[in-house]
Amino acid sequence: MVNELWLIHHSHTDIGFTQPQRIVFELHNQFIDQALDLIDQTADLPDDACFRWTCGSAGLVW
């Protein structure tokens, strides 16, 4: 049974739709850094409690 569910606010990428491209890429870099920090912070937890993340747009990690 799931006792806790974390919803992450970011799930779709339209570069330049909400902000100029430069700002979108800066924000995405911050989001990726935050996700990686959460992965590190939860690495010692049981497997089902570890933070998981999938980057939905490969261009953001290059």
C-alpha atoms as a PDB file:
ATOM      1  CA  MET A   1       0.000   0.000   0.000  1.00  0.00           C
ATOM      2  CA  VAL A   2       1.279   3.478  -0.837  1.00  0.00           C
ATOM      3  CA  ASN A   3       1.443   5.673   2.263  1.00  0.00           C
ATOM      4  CA  GLU A   4       3.073   8.698   0.691  1.00  0.00           C
ATOM      5  CA  LEU A   5       3.274  10.013  -2.850  1.00  0.00           C
ATOM      6  CA  TRP A   6       5.485  12.896  -3.954  1.00  0.00           C
ATOM      7  CA  LEU A   7       4.306  14.850  -6.952  1.00  0.00           C
ATOM      8  CA  ILE A   8       6.915  16.872  -8.792  1.00  0.00           C
ATOM      9  CA  HIS A   9       5.573  19.981 -10.475  1.00  0.00           C
ATOM     10  CA  HIS A  10       7.574  19.576 -13.658  1.00  0.00           C
ATOM     11  CA  SER A  11       6.539  17.086 -16.304  1.00  0.00           C
ATOM     12  CA  HIS A  12       6.557  18.612 -19.800  1.00  0.00           C
ATOM     13  CA  THR A  13       8.893  20.823 -21.820  1.00  0.00           C
ATOM     14  CA  ASP A  14       7.999  23.423 -24.423  1.00  0.00           C
ATOM     15  CA  ILE A  15      11.149  25.521 -24.697  1.00  0.00           C
ATOM     16  CA  GLY A  16      10.170  29.176 -24.987  1.00  0.00           C
ATOM     17  CA  PHE A  17       6.435  28.679 -24.346  1.00  0.00           C
ATOM     18  CA  THR A  18       6.360  29.967 -20.767  1.00  0.00           C
ATOM     19  CA  GLN A  19       9.588  31.993 -20.691  1.00  0.00           C
ATOM     20  CA  PRO A  20      12.357  32.990 -23.101  1.00  0.00           C
ATOM     21  CA  GLN A  21      14.552  30.018 -24.041  1.00  0.00           C
ATOM     22  CA  ARG A  22      17.529  31.223 -21.992  1.00  0.00           C
ATOM     23  CA  ILE A  23      15.426  31.389 -18.817  1.00  0.00           C
ATOM     24  CA  VAL A  24      13.819  27.991 -19.456  1.00  0.00           C
ATOM     25  CA  PHE A  25      17.244  26.361 -19.780  1.00  0.00           C
ATOM     26  CA  GLU A  26      18.453  28.092 -16.587  1.00  0.00           C
ATOM     27  CA  LEU A  27      15.380  26.866 -14.707  1.00  0.00           C
ATOM     28  CA  HIS A  28      15.762  23.337 -16.048  1.00  0.00           C
ATOM     29  CA  ASN A  29      19.386  23.290 -14.907  1.00  0.00           C
ATOM     30  CA  GLN A  30      18.176  24.208 -11.415  1.00  0.00           C
ATOM     31  CA  PHE A  31      15.478  21.510 -11.531  1.00  0.00           C
ATOM     32  CA  ILE A  32      18.018  18.886 -12.593  1.00  0.00           C
ATOM     33  CA  ASP A  33      20.390  19.929  -9.788  1.00  0.00           C
ATOM     34  CA  GLN A  34      17.529  19.695  -7.276  1.00  0.00           C
ATOM     35  CA  ALA A  35      16.532  16.247  -8.540  1.00  0.00           C
ATOM     36  CA  LEU A  36      20.122  14.995  -8.311  1.00  0.00           C
ATOM     37  CA  ASP A  37      20.377  16.370  -4.759  1.00  0.00           C
ATOM     38  CA  LEU A  38      17.218  14.474  -3.778  1.00  0.00           C
ATOM     39  CA  ILE A  39      18.604  11.302  -5.320  1.00  0.00           C
ATOM     40  CA  ASP A  40      21.755  11.685  -3.196  1.00  0.00           C
ATOM     41  CA  GLN A  41      19.774  12.565  -0.054  1.00  0.00           C
ATOM     42  CA  THR A  42      17.595   9.474  -0.322  1.00  0.00           C
ATOM     43  CA  ALA A  43      20.253   7.013  -1.517  1.00  0.00           C
ATOM     44  CA  ASP A  44      20.505   5.334   1.906  1.00  0.00           C
ATOM     45  CA  LEU A  45      16.759   4.827   2.285  1.00  0.00           C
ATOM     46  CA  PRO A  46      15.041   1.557   1.415  1.00  0.00           C
ATOM     47  CA  ASP A  47      14.749   1.122  -2.341  1.00  0.00           C
ATOM     48  CA  ASP A  48      11.030   1.885  -2.430  1.00  0.00           C
ATOM     49  CA  ALA A  49      11.627   5.176  -0.592  1.00  0.00           C
ATOM     50  CA  CYS A  50      14.410   6.493  -2.828  1.00  0.00           C
ATOM     51  CA  PHE A  51      13.695   9.490  -5.020  1.00  0.00           C
ATOM     52  CA  ARG A  52      13.395   8.623  -8.695  1.00  0.00           C
ATOM     53  CA  TRP A  53      13.527  10.980 -11.621  1.00  0.00           C
ATOM     54  CA  THR A  54      13.270  10.775 -15.384  1.00  0.00           C
ATOM     55  CA  CYS A  55      14.305  13.672 -17.587  1.00  0.00           C
ATOM     56  CA  GLY A  56      11.546  14.118 -20.148  1.00  0.00           C
ATOM     57  CA  SER A  57      13.659  16.061 -22.624  1.00  0.00           C
ATOM     58  CA  ALA A  58      17.139  14.858 -23.572  1.00  0.00           C
ATOM     59  CA  GLY A  59      18.191  18.300 -24.801  1.00  0.00           C
ATOM     60  CA  LEU A  60      18.130  19.543 -21.223  1.00  0.00           C
ATOM     61  CA  VAL A  61      20.862  17.204 -20.020  1.00  0.00           C
ATOM     62  CA  TRP A  62      23.340  17.885 -22.848  1.00  0.00           C
END
